[in-house]
């Protein structure tokens, strides 16, 4: 039986449901999967996801450390190039070099915990510290490893990514933008081993023209953001934009669903801007409850500085909710400006607010006086309905979770399964050429 060790930085994680989904898909295809996590997740997450890690690396146990040290000594030649890269080459600072050496030790621990379990391949999700750990373990065990890159792990925190890309047998990434970025910035990488593997969300089998969605006259303009409260998501940008909307006399409500380290800073900013009655931090919202928030929102907004292709936009578009996002990285592959949603210039507060006001004007157009203005209003509203419809079709055709999971599973098996079968019509002479 094909056995794959699958490593994530934190598993299971409520913000990375695709990791659990990919593991389940591989198991459905008959692959034995050994899920692992670099750090221990919250106690209730395994129960929620119905999938628990078999291996947790941090903190490592004393006996595991001793065995890892002995394994590293016995097979030091296999990891000597990695240690040389950390100590002698590159422009990384001393702190990053020290961390890489520590992660090399964790990689040896991971190899010890996988020894004797018949592992054929190691796959790691994200290019952070887990990818170095998986690479070290693969070398010590004499197997191949692969990784999936998203956004920040490629564009913002690409520490030692040159070595990881050189060492991996193949690299999956979630957008064409990412693939082109890798090939441009790491020209030594074989283009054939960088493959786009899109994520996806659940969509209905039938995608028809959705029923018109109209705003009630006088109702506040409802904005929704869904995402971890982290600096890279830049919810502070959204709060400042809400201040501009208030200053322009726009009635609105803004809800931000998610939890994270930026919560206190955001609470302080909301108080400073005098927006406590208009901007609400909802905290963590279970995935099964997010649909109702999408349905109530007029616009789902994204204000991130860096992204792969966010699931939150796919989920909103699959439900026919208008989205507004920055024109960064792979986002325009999902949100096609004016056709499946709306884009704004990254970092432009005025541009973001102007886009919001434009969308609001289209939604409120049917309330115009009779005559030509009413006809124009109906046309504007119909345009939004077509954007909603096109968004659902686009998600259905390109970001369907079931279809993309099947493609992921087939691709992984095809890339790592041993090809030992021969065909009777193969020409033995041509095989030698």
Protein backbone atom coordinates (compact mmCIF):
# COMPACT_ATOMS: atom_id res chain seq x y z
CA UNK A 1 0.00 0.00 0.00
CA UNK A 2 1.25 3.47 -0.90
CA UNK A 3 2.02 5.36 2.33
CA UNK A 4 2.27 9.15 2.49
CA UNK A 5 3.31 11.19 5.52
CA UNK A 6 1.39 14.48 5.38
CA UNK A 7 2.76 17.34 7.51
CA UNK A 8 1.21 20.73 8.34
CA UNK A 9 2.38 23.47 10.68
CA UNK A 10 -0.79 23.08 12.73
CA UNK A 11 -3.21 20.24 12.14
CA UNK A 12 -6.12 20.31 12.25
CA UNK A 13 -6.67 24.06 11.87
CA UNK A 14 -10.06 25.77 11.50
CA UNK A 15 -8.63 28.16 8.89
CA UNK A 16 -7.11 25.38 6.78
CA UNK A 17 -9.97 22.93 6.10
CA UNK A 18 -8.35 21.91 2.81
CA UNK A 19 -5.65 19.95 4.67
CA UNK A 20 -8.22 17.60 6.22
CA UNK A 21 -10.08 17.38 2.91
CA UNK A 22 -6.93 16.38 1.02
CA UNK A 23 -6.05 13.73 3.57
CA UNK A 24 -9.55 12.26 3.35
CA UNK A 25 -9.38 12.26 -0.45
CA UNK A 26 -6.07 10.38 -0.46
CA UNK A 27 -7.51 7.81 1.94
CA UNK A 28 -10.57 7.45 -0.28
CA UNK A 29 -8.18 6.58 -3.11
CA UNK A 30 -6.62 3.83 -1.03
CA UNK A 31 -3.51 5.69 0.15
CA UNK A 32 -2.39 5.18 3.73
CA UNK A 33 -1.85 8.68 5.15
CA UNK A 34 0.06 9.49 8.35
CA UNK A 35 -1.03 13.03 9.30
CA UNK A 36 1.44 15.08 11.31
CA UNK A 37 1.54 18.51 12.92
CA UNK A 38 4.55 20.62 13.85
CA UNK A 39 2.70 22.11 16.79
CA UNK A 40 -0.24 20.93 18.85
CA UNK A 41 -3.60 22.39 17.81
CA UNK A 42 -6.48 23.40 20.07
CA UNK A 43 -7.95 20.38 21.95
CA UNK A 44 -11.36 20.62 20.29
CA UNK A 45 -10.15 20.91 16.70
CA UNK A 46 -9.58 17.20 16.12
CA UNK A 47 -13.13 16.43 17.21
CA UNK A 48 -14.55 19.15 14.97
CA UNK A 49 -12.62 18.00 11.90
CA UNK A 50 -12.97 14.26 12.63
CA UNK A 51 -9.25 13.91 11.88
CA UNK A 52 -6.39 13.91 14.38
CA UNK A 53 -2.60 13.99 13.88
CA UNK A 54 -0.72 10.76 14.49
CA UNK A 55 2.51 12.70 15.02
CA UNK A 56 3.02 16.01 16.86
CA UNK A 57 6.60 17.28 16.76
CA UNK A 58 6.66 20.10 19.29
CA UNK A 59 7.67 19.74 22.00
CA UNK A 60 9.85 16.70 21.18
CA UNK A 61 10.29 13.99 23.82
CA UNK A 62 13.73 13.28 25.32
CA UNK A 63 14.07 9.78 23.91
CA UNK A 64 13.02 11.00 20.47
CA UNK A 65 15.72 13.68 20.62
CA UNK A 66 18.39 11.12 21.51
CA UNK A 67 17.32 8.83 18.67
CA UNK A 68 17.21 11.81 16.28
CA UNK A 69 20.76 12.82 17.21
CA UNK A 70 22.00 9.28 16.57
CA UNK A 71 20.14 9.10 13.24
CA UNK A 72 21.62 12.44 12.22
CA UNK A 73 25.14 11.27 13.06
CA UNK A 74 24.72 7.98 11.17
CA UNK A 75 23.30 9.64 8.06
CA UNK A 76 24.96 13.03 8.24
CA UNK A 77 26.12 12.80 4.60
CA UNK A 78 22.47 12.93 3.47
CA UNK A 79 21.83 16.27 5.16
CA UNK A 80 25.32 17.73 4.90
CA UNK A 81 24.35 19.91 1.85
CA UNK A 82 21.45 21.39 3.85
CA UNK A 83 23.63 22.18 6.84
CA UNK A 84 26.23 23.70 4.51
CA UNK A 85 23.54 25.87 2.91
CA UNK A 86 22.46 27.16 6.33
CA UNK A 87 25.93 27.79 7.74
CA UNK A 88 27.99 28.90 4.75
CA UNK A 89 25.76 30.24 1.99
CA UNK A 90 22.95 32.70 1.39
CA UNK A 91 22.17 36.11 2.89
CA UNK A 92 20.03 35.02 5.82
CA UNK A 93 20.74 36.61 9.20
CA UNK A 94 22.01 34.72 12.25
CA UNK A 95 18.55 34.28 13.79
CA UNK A 96 17.14 32.62 10.65
CA UNK A 97 20.21 30.41 10.40
CA UNK A 98 19.87 29.32 14.02
CA UNK A 99 16.17 28.54 13.50
CA UNK A 100 16.99 26.49 10.40
CA UNK A 101 19.48 24.42 12.39
CA UNK A 102 16.85 23.89 15.09
CA UNK A 103 14.35 22.85 12.42
CA UNK A 104 16.95 20.43 11.09
CA UNK A 105 16.85 18.77 14.49
CA UNK A 106 13.05 18.61 14.33
CA UNK A 107 13.39 17.05 10.88
CA UNK A 108 15.53 14.31 12.39
CA UNK A 109 12.87 13.81 15.08
CA UNK A 110 10.21 13.54 12.38
CA UNK A 111 12.32 10.95 10.54
CA UNK A 112 12.69 8.92 13.76
CA UNK A 113 8.92 8.95 14.30
CA UNK A 114 8.33 7.80 10.71
CA UNK A 115 10.99 5.08 10.66
CA UNK A 116 9.68 1.58 10.18
CA UNK A 117 6.24 2.77 9.01
CA UNK A 118 6.81 2.11 5.31
CA UNK A 119 6.60 5.74 4.24
CA UNK A 120 7.01 6.17 0.46
CA UNK A 121 6.68 9.95 0.30
CA UNK A 122 6.34 13.06 2.49
CA UNK A 123 4.02 15.90 1.50
CA UNK A 124 3.96 19.16 3.45
CA UNK A 125 1.42 21.95 3.29
CA UNK A 126 2.84 25.51 3.21
CA UNK A 127 6.44 26.56 2.74
CA UNK A 128 7.07 27.65 6.33
CA UNK A 129 9.15 25.76 8.90
CA UNK A 130 7.28 22.51 8.24
CA UNK A 131 8.71 22.33 4.72
CA UNK A 132 12.31 22.40 6.02
CA UNK A 133 11.43 19.73 8.57
CA UNK A 134 9.85 17.53 5.89
CA UNK A 135 12.82 18.03 3.57
CA UNK A 136 15.31 16.97 6.26
CA UNK A 137 13.21 13.95 7.25
CA UNK A 138 12.86 12.85 3.61
CA UNK A 139 16.62 12.94 3.11
CA UNK A 140 17.31 11.00 6.29
CA UNK A 141 14.72 8.36 5.31
CA UNK A 142 15.81 8.19 1.69
CA UNK A 143 12.39 9.16 0.28
CA UNK A 144 11.11 12.09 -1.79
CA UNK A 145 9.10 15.05 -0.55
CA UNK A 146 6.74 17.58 -2.09
CA UNK A 147 5.02 20.73 -0.87
CA UNK A 148 2.07 23.01 -1.49
CA UNK A 149 2.65 26.78 -1.57
CA UNK A 150 -0.13 29.31 -1.04
CA UNK A 151 0.64 33.02 -0.71
CA UNK A 152 2.60 34.43 2.22
CA UNK A 153 4.83 31.36 2.36
CA UNK A 154 5.96 32.18 -1.17
CA UNK A 155 5.69 35.97 -1.40
CA UNK A 156 6.51 37.21 2.11
CA UNK A 157 8.24 34.46 4.09
CA UNK A 158 10.25 32.55 1.50
CA UNK A 159 13.16 31.67 3.79
CA UNK A 160 15.41 29.01 2.17
CA UNK A 161 12.76 28.49 -0.50
CA UNK A 162 15.49 28.12 -3.12
CA UNK A 163 16.78 25.01 -1.36
CA UNK A 164 13.28 23.62 -0.78
CA UNK A 165 12.32 24.05 -4.44
CA UNK A 166 15.55 22.45 -5.58
CA UNK A 167 15.09 19.48 -3.23
CA UNK A 168 11.39 18.73 -3.69
CA UNK A 169 10.32 16.22 -6.30
CA UNK A 170 7.40 18.49 -7.22
CA UNK A 171 5.69 21.63 -5.93
CA UNK A 172 1.96 22.33 -5.99
CA UNK A 173 0.71 25.89 -5.84
CA UNK A 174 -2.76 27.39 -5.85
CA UNK A 175 -2.61 29.88 -8.73
CA UNK A 176 -1.05 30.57 -12.10
CA UNK A 177 0.33 33.78 -10.60
CA UNK A 178 2.26 31.77 -8.02
CA UNK A 179 3.60 29.37 -10.63
CA UNK A 180 4.83 32.21 -12.82
CA UNK A 181 6.35 33.92 -9.79
CA UNK A 182 8.30 30.77 -8.87
CA UNK A 183 9.63 30.29 -12.39
CA UNK A 184 10.61 33.96 -12.66
CA UNK A 185 12.34 34.27 -9.28
CA UNK A 186 13.83 30.77 -9.14
CA UNK A 187 14.99 30.18 -12.73
CA UNK A 188 16.95 27.04 -11.83
CA UNK A 189 13.73 25.23 -10.92
CA UNK A 190 12.45 22.75 -13.49
CA UNK A 191 9.17 24.17 -14.79
CA UNK A 192 7.74 20.66 -15.09
CA UNK A 193 7.71 20.11 -11.35
CA UNK A 194 5.73 23.28 -10.50
CA UNK A 195 2.04 22.43 -10.88
CA UNK A 196 -1.11 24.51 -10.27
CA UNK A 197 -3.52 22.68 -7.94
CA UNK A 198 -6.48 24.90 -7.17
CA UNK A 199 -8.45 24.80 -3.97
CA UNK A 200 -12.21 24.86 -4.03
CA UNK A 201 -15.50 25.09 -2.18
CA UNK A 202 -18.72 23.16 -2.28
CA UNK A 203 -21.05 24.34 -5.03
CA UNK A 204 -24.45 23.14 -6.17
CA UNK A 205 -24.69 20.86 -9.18
CA UNK A 206 -27.00 23.27 -10.95
CA UNK A 207 -25.97 26.85 -11.60
CA UNK A 208 -28.82 28.87 -12.97
CA UNK A 209 -29.45 32.60 -13.06
CA UNK A 210 -29.99 33.43 -9.41
CA UNK A 211 -33.01 35.29 -8.13
CA UNK A 212 -32.53 39.06 -7.97
CA UNK A 213 -31.32 40.37 -4.60
CA UNK A 214 -32.58 43.84 -3.76
CA UNK A 215 -31.70 46.08 -0.84
CA UNK A 216 -34.51 47.38 1.33
CA UNK A 217 -34.85 51.15 0.97
CA UNK A 218 -33.11 52.92 3.87
CA UNK A 219 -31.33 49.78 5.06
CA UNK A 220 -27.66 50.20 5.97
CA UNK A 221 -25.04 49.04 3.48
CA UNK A 222 -23.83 45.72 4.95
CA UNK A 223 -20.14 44.80 4.64
CA UNK A 224 -18.63 41.51 5.71
CA UNK A 225 -14.99 40.44 6.06
CA UNK A 226 -14.06 36.88 6.98
CA UNK A 227 -10.51 35.98 7.92
CA UNK A 228 -7.93 35.55 10.63
CA UNK A 229 -7.14 38.74 12.53
CA UNK A 230 -3.54 38.93 11.38
CA UNK A 231 -1.50 41.89 10.14
CA UNK A 232 -1.25 40.43 6.62
CA UNK A 233 -5.07 40.45 6.36
CA UNK A 234 -4.98 44.22 7.08
CA UNK A 235 -8.38 44.60 8.70
CA UNK A 236 -7.10 47.97 9.97
CA UNK A 237 -7.38 49.14 6.34
CA UNK A 238 -11.05 48.15 6.38
CA UNK A 239 -11.69 49.98 9.68
CA UNK A 240 -10.13 53.18 8.28
CA UNK A 241 -12.27 52.80 5.14
CA UNK A 242 -15.34 52.56 7.36
CA UNK A 243 -14.31 55.90 8.88
CA UNK A 244 -14.38 57.44 5.41
CA UNK A 245 -17.82 55.95 4.71
CA UNK A 246 -19.13 57.49 7.91
CA UNK A 247 -17.60 60.86 7.05
CA UNK A 248 -19.38 60.73 3.68
CA UNK A 249 -22.72 60.16 5.40
CA UNK A 250 -23.18 56.55 4.20
CA UNK A 251 -25.35 54.39 6.48
CA UNK A 252 -23.51 51.08 6.86
CA UNK A 253 -22.74 48.10 9.07
CA UNK A 254 -19.45 46.21 8.97
CA UNK A 255 -18.94 42.76 10.47
CA UNK A 256 -15.52 41.10 10.74
CA UNK A 257 -15.57 37.35 11.41
CA UNK A 258 -12.37 35.79 12.67
CA UNK A 259 -9.98 35.61 15.57
CA UNK A 260 -6.26 36.26 15.89
CA UNK A 261 -3.39 38.27 17.35
CA UNK A 262 -4.55 41.62 15.93
CA UNK A 263 -7.81 41.69 17.85
CA UNK A 264 -6.70 44.13 20.58
CA UNK A 265 -5.15 46.50 18.04
CA UNK A 266 -8.34 46.44 15.98
CA UNK A 267 -10.51 47.07 19.03
CA UNK A 268 -8.36 50.08 19.89
CA UNK A 269 -8.55 51.41 16.32
CA UNK A 270 -12.34 50.99 16.22
CA UNK A 271 -12.64 52.99 19.47
CA UNK A 272 -10.22 55.65 18.20
CA UNK A 273 -12.25 56.08 15.00
CA UNK A 274 -15.54 56.23 16.91
CA UNK A 275 -16.95 53.20 15.08
CA UNK A 276 -18.01 50.94 17.97
CA UNK A 277 -21.66 51.06 16.85
CA UNK A 278 -20.88 50.35 13.21
CA UNK A 279 -17.94 47.91 13.11
CA UNK A 280 -18.32 44.59 14.97
CA UNK A 281 -15.67 41.96 15.63
CA UNK A 282 -17.62 38.69 15.65
CA UNK A 283 -14.76 36.43 16.74
CA UNK A 284 -14.45 32.92 15.37
CA UNK A 285 -17.53 31.88 13.40
CA UNK A 286 -17.93 28.13 12.71
CA UNK A 287 -17.83 27.31 9.03
CA UNK A 288 -21.34 25.86 9.14
CA UNK A 289 -22.62 29.28 10.25
CA UNK A 290 -20.88 31.46 7.67
CA UNK A 291 -23.50 30.92 4.95
CA UNK A 292 -26.05 32.99 6.84
CA UNK A 293 -23.55 35.85 7.13
CA UNK A 294 -22.84 35.71 3.39
CA UNK A 295 -26.56 35.81 2.67
CA UNK A 296 -27.08 38.93 4.82
CA UNK A 297 -24.11 40.83 3.41
CA UNK A 298 -24.39 43.24 0.51
CA UNK A 299 -20.64 42.95 -0.20
CA UNK A 300 -17.96 40.58 1.06
CA UNK A 301 -14.68 42.48 1.21
CA UNK A 302 -11.07 41.35 1.31
CA UNK A 303 -8.28 43.76 2.30
CA UNK A 304 -5.27 41.42 2.53
CA UNK A 305 -1.73 42.49 1.59
CA UNK A 306 -0.87 38.99 0.40
CA UNK A 307 -3.01 35.99 -0.54
CA UNK A 308 -3.14 32.81 -2.53
CA UNK A 309 -6.72 32.55 -3.76
CA UNK A 310 -8.91 32.94 -0.65
CA UNK A 311 -11.61 30.39 0.11
CA UNK A 312 -13.76 33.14 1.61
CA UNK A 313 -14.16 34.79 -1.81
CA UNK A 314 -15.02 31.45 -3.41
CA UNK A 315 -17.63 30.75 -0.72
CA UNK A 316 -19.25 34.16 -1.10
CA UNK A 317 -19.28 33.99 -4.91
CA UNK A 318 -20.72 30.47 -4.85
CA UNK A 319 -23.68 31.90 -2.91
CA UNK A 320 -24.15 34.84 -5.28
CA UNK A 321 -22.78 37.53 -2.96
CA UNK A 322 -20.91 40.45 -4.52
CA UNK A 323 -17.20 40.57 -3.61
CA UNK A 324 -14.61 43.35 -3.57
CA UNK A 325 -10.92 42.44 -3.29
CA UNK A 326 -7.46 43.90 -4.07
CA UNK A 327 -5.94 43.15 -7.45
CA UNK A 328 -3.05 41.13 -6.00
CA UNK A 329 -1.40 37.78 -6.73
CA UNK A 330 -3.88 35.14 -7.90
CA UNK A 331 -7.04 36.98 -6.82
CA UNK A 332 -7.83 38.25 -10.37
CA UNK A 333 -7.94 34.62 -11.52
CA UNK A 334 -11.04 34.28 -9.33
CA UNK A 335 -12.43 37.81 -9.23
CA UNK A 336 -12.51 38.97 -12.83
CA UNK A 337 -13.03 42.73 -12.62
CA UNK A 338 -16.58 43.74 -13.48
CA UNK A 339 -17.53 40.20 -14.53
CA UNK A 340 -17.41 37.96 -11.45
CA UNK A 341 -16.78 40.65 -8.84
CA UNK A 342 -14.92 43.90 -8.28
CA UNK A 343 -11.27 44.79 -7.71
CA UNK A 344 -9.51 47.83 -6.28
CA UNK A 345 -5.94 49.07 -6.46
CA UNK A 346 -3.97 47.52 -3.57
CA UNK A 347 -3.30 49.95 -0.74
CA UNK A 348 -5.60 52.68 -2.10
CA UNK A 349 -8.06 53.64 0.62
CA UNK A 350 -9.86 56.10 -1.63
CA UNK A 351 -10.01 53.54 -4.43
CA UNK A 352 -11.50 50.95 -2.08
CA UNK A 353 -14.17 53.35 -0.80
CA UNK A 354 -15.00 54.57 -4.32
CA UNK A 355 -15.54 50.95 -5.44
CA UNK A 356 -17.84 50.34 -2.47
CA UNK A 357 -19.86 53.46 -3.29
CA UNK A 358 -20.09 52.40 -6.94
CA UNK A 359 -21.44 48.96 -5.96
CA UNK A 360 -23.87 50.60 -3.55
CA UNK A 361 -25.11 52.92 -6.30
CA UNK A 362 -25.84 49.91 -8.53
CA UNK A 363 -27.74 48.21 -5.72
CA UNK A 364 -29.85 51.27 -4.98
CA UNK A 365 -30.49 52.25 -8.60
CA UNK A 366 -34.00 50.65 -8.78
CA UNK A 367 -35.21 53.28 -6.35
CA UNK A 368 -34.80 56.06 -8.93
CA UNK A 369 -37.79 58.16 -10.13
CA UNK A 370 -39.99 56.83 -12.95
CA UNK A 371 -39.03 57.20 -16.58
CA UNK A 372 -35.59 56.89 -18.11
CA UNK A 373 -33.90 56.94 -14.70
CA UNK A 374 -35.94 53.92 -13.63
CA UNK A 375 -35.00 52.04 -16.80
CA UNK A 376 -31.32 52.82 -16.18
CA UNK A 377 -31.73 51.67 -12.58
CA UNK A 378 -33.22 48.38 -13.66
CA UNK A 379 -30.35 47.89 -16.10
CA UNK A 380 -27.79 48.54 -13.34
CA UNK A 381 -29.50 46.07 -11.04
CA UNK A 382 -29.60 43.50 -13.82
CA UNK A 383 -25.87 43.98 -14.35
CA UNK A 384 -25.24 43.05 -10.72
CA UNK A 385 -27.41 39.97 -11.09
CA UNK A 386 -25.30 38.91 -14.05
CA UNK A 387 -22.13 39.44 -11.99
CA UNK A 388 -23.57 37.17 -9.30
CA UNK A 389 -24.52 34.58 -11.88
CA UNK A 390 -21.12 34.72 -13.62
CA UNK A 391 -19.38 34.41 -10.26
CA UNK A 392 -21.26 31.21 -9.45
CA UNK A 393 -20.55 29.76 -12.89
CA UNK A 394 -16.85 30.62 -12.59
CA UNK A 395 -16.58 28.97 -9.17
CA UNK A 396 -18.53 25.95 -10.39
CA UNK A 397 -16.27 25.48 -13.42
CA UNK A 398 -12.88 26.19 -11.84
CA UNK A 399 -13.07 26.08 -8.04
CA UNK A 400 -15.34 23.14 -7.30
CA UNK A 401 -13.99 21.40 -4.21
CA UNK A 402 -14.97 17.89 -5.23
CA UNK A 403 -13.46 18.12 -8.70
CA UNK A 404 -10.27 19.81 -7.49
CA UNK A 405 -9.79 17.29 -4.69
CA UNK A 406 -10.05 14.46 -7.20
CA UNK A 407 -7.45 16.19 -9.37
CA UNK A 408 -5.18 16.66 -6.35
CA UNK A 409 -5.41 13.02 -5.35
CA UNK A 410 -4.82 11.73 -8.88
CA UNK A 411 -1.89 14.09 -9.36
CA UNK A 412 -0.19 13.15 -6.09
CA UNK A 413 -0.54 9.42 -6.73
CA UNK A 414 0.64 9.79 -10.33
CA UNK A 415 3.72 11.74 -9.21
CA UNK A 416 4.80 9.48 -6.35
CA UNK A 417 3.59 5.96 -7.20
CA UNK A 418 6.36 3.69 -8.51
CA UNK A 419 6.01 3.07 -12.25
CA UNK A 420 7.12 -0.53 -12.53
CA UNK A 421 4.58 -1.95 -14.95
CA UNK A 422 5.70 -2.63 -18.51
CA UNK A 423 3.54 -2.91 -21.59
CA UNK A 424 3.87 -5.74 -24.12
CA UNK A 425 3.98 -3.32 -27.05
CA UNK A 426 6.91 -1.32 -25.68
CA UNK A 427 9.94 -1.34 -28.00
CA UNK A 428 12.98 -2.49 -26.01
CA UNK A 429 15.36 -0.85 -28.46
CA UNK A 430 13.62 2.53 -28.21
CA UNK A 431 13.72 2.24 -24.42
CA UNK A 432 17.51 2.31 -24.57
CA UNK A 433 17.64 5.50 -26.65
